[in-house]
């Protein structure tokens, strides 16, 4: 049966092929790098689909910057969950259209009730 849904089983080849964000140019990565990157994000609380999406983006960026993905993952291991989420949001925003950005809110450090003056 023909379907546009992703296949449940992936091939056991050493290299997996994907497409760039505009589906024009195929890109390929070793299966070990993909599995390690997806596993890192699964371990840090991402669901399977978001782990795969973020992994492909990071693999593309690491390839463009000529950096080993394992070196990049080692640097991400040192971050807290909040810091990791902020970094991933920034990376995803770099790959998104400028009309649609992801964001997060940073709580203000000052208490607005104490800083304002009320004149009676």
Protein backbone atom coordinates (compact mmCIF):
# COMPACT_ATOMS: atom_id res chain seq x y z
CA UNK A 1 0.00 0.00 0.00
CA UNK A 2 1.33 3.46 -0.91
CA UNK A 3 1.30 6.07 1.84
CA UNK A 4 2.99 9.34 2.69
CA UNK A 5 3.40 8.36 6.33
CA UNK A 6 6.92 7.62 7.58
CA UNK A 7 8.02 4.01 7.65
CA UNK A 8 8.02 2.39 11.08
CA UNK A 9 11.06 0.26 10.39
CA UNK A 10 14.25 1.89 9.18
CA UNK A 11 16.85 0.11 7.15
CA UNK A 12 19.94 -1.25 8.84
CA UNK A 13 22.34 0.43 6.44
CA UNK A 14 25.34 2.34 7.70
CA UNK A 15 24.29 5.60 6.06
CA UNK A 16 20.85 7.15 6.22
CA UNK A 17 19.66 9.71 3.74
CA UNK A 18 17.48 12.76 4.47
CA UNK A 19 16.59 15.95 2.66
CA UNK A 20 17.45 19.52 3.52
CA UNK A 21 14.80 21.87 4.89
CA UNK A 22 13.50 22.70 1.41
CA UNK A 23 13.50 19.04 0.23
CA UNK A 24 15.85 19.86 -2.62
CA UNK A 25 19.20 18.33 -1.75
CA UNK A 26 19.66 14.94 -0.13
CA UNK A 27 22.01 14.77 2.83
CA UNK A 28 23.39 11.61 4.39
CA UNK A 29 24.87 10.85 7.79
CA UNK A 30 26.34 7.74 9.39
CA UNK A 31 23.73 5.76 11.31
CA UNK A 32 25.85 5.82 14.48
CA UNK A 33 25.80 9.63 14.55
CA UNK A 34 22.05 9.74 14.04
CA UNK A 35 21.39 7.11 16.71
CA UNK A 36 23.67 8.85 19.23
CA UNK A 37 22.07 12.25 18.63
CA UNK A 38 18.50 10.95 18.82
CA UNK A 39 19.39 8.96 21.94
CA UNK A 40 20.83 12.06 23.59
CA UNK A 41 17.59 13.99 23.13
CA UNK A 42 15.41 11.04 24.15
CA UNK A 43 17.44 10.78 27.36
CA UNK A 44 16.85 14.48 28.01
CA UNK A 45 13.06 14.24 27.84
CA UNK A 46 12.29 14.93 24.17
CA UNK A 47 9.68 12.77 22.47
CA UNK A 48 10.75 10.62 19.53
CA UNK A 49 9.60 12.88 16.70
CA UNK A 50 11.08 16.07 18.15
CA UNK A 51 14.32 14.21 18.98
CA UNK A 52 14.63 13.14 15.35
CA UNK A 53 13.87 16.62 14.01
CA UNK A 54 16.31 18.39 16.31
CA UNK A 55 18.95 15.73 15.60
CA UNK A 56 18.82 16.26 11.85
CA UNK A 57 19.08 20.03 12.29
CA UNK A 58 22.08 19.66 14.61
CA UNK A 59 23.73 17.15 12.28
CA UNK A 60 23.33 19.56 9.36
CA UNK A 61 24.75 22.43 11.39
CA UNK A 62 27.68 20.35 12.66
CA UNK A 63 28.44 19.29 9.10
CA UNK A 64 28.28 22.92 7.89
CA UNK A 65 30.57 24.08 10.72
CA UNK A 66 32.93 21.10 10.25
CA UNK A 67 32.48 20.03 13.89
CA UNK A 68 32.10 16.47 15.12
CA UNK A 69 28.56 15.79 16.34
CA UNK A 70 30.00 13.90 19.30
CA UNK A 71 31.98 16.98 20.35
CA UNK A 72 28.79 19.04 20.09
CA UNK A 73 26.83 16.53 22.18
CA UNK A 74 29.57 16.54 24.83
CA UNK A 75 29.24 20.30 25.16
CA UNK A 76 25.44 20.01 25.41
CA UNK A 77 25.71 17.42 28.22
CA UNK A 78 26.99 20.09 30.59
CA UNK A 79 23.81 22.19 30.28
CA UNK A 80 20.78 22.08 32.55
CA UNK A 81 17.35 21.23 31.10
CA UNK A 82 16.37 24.90 30.91
CA UNK A 83 19.64 25.90 29.23
CA UNK A 84 19.32 23.02 26.77
CA UNK A 85 15.77 24.08 25.87
CA UNK A 86 16.92 27.67 25.28
CA UNK A 87 19.82 26.56 23.07
CA UNK A 88 17.57 24.24 21.05
CA UNK A 89 14.99 27.03 20.62
CA UNK A 90 17.72 29.31 19.27
CA UNK A 91 18.99 26.65 16.88
CA UNK A 92 15.47 25.87 15.65
CA UNK A 93 14.78 29.57 15.13
CA UNK A 94 17.85 29.80 12.92
CA UNK A 95 16.30 27.16 10.64
CA UNK A 96 12.75 28.53 10.65
CA UNK A 97 11.18 31.22 8.54
CA UNK A 98 11.44 34.63 10.18
CA UNK A 99 7.64 34.95 10.32
CA UNK A 100 7.38 31.96 12.65
CA UNK A 101 9.73 31.86 15.62
CA UNK A 102 9.80 29.84 18.82
CA UNK A 103 10.16 31.73 22.05
CA UNK A 104 10.42 31.41 25.76
CA UNK A 105 9.73 33.80 28.59
CA UNK A 106 12.31 34.87 31.11
CA UNK A 107 10.83 35.93 34.40
CA UNK A 108 11.71 39.50 35.41
CA UNK A 109 14.07 39.77 38.36
CA UNK A 110 12.34 42.71 40.02
CA UNK A 111 9.00 42.61 41.75
CA UNK A 112 6.78 45.15 40.02
CA UNK A 113 4.57 45.59 43.08
CA UNK A 114 7.50 46.87 45.11
CA UNK A 115 9.06 49.05 42.42
CA UNK A 116 6.08 51.20 41.54
CA UNK A 117 5.05 54.24 43.56
CA UNK A 118 1.42 54.88 44.29
CA UNK A 119 0.43 58.42 45.12
CA UNK A 120 -2.82 58.81 47.05
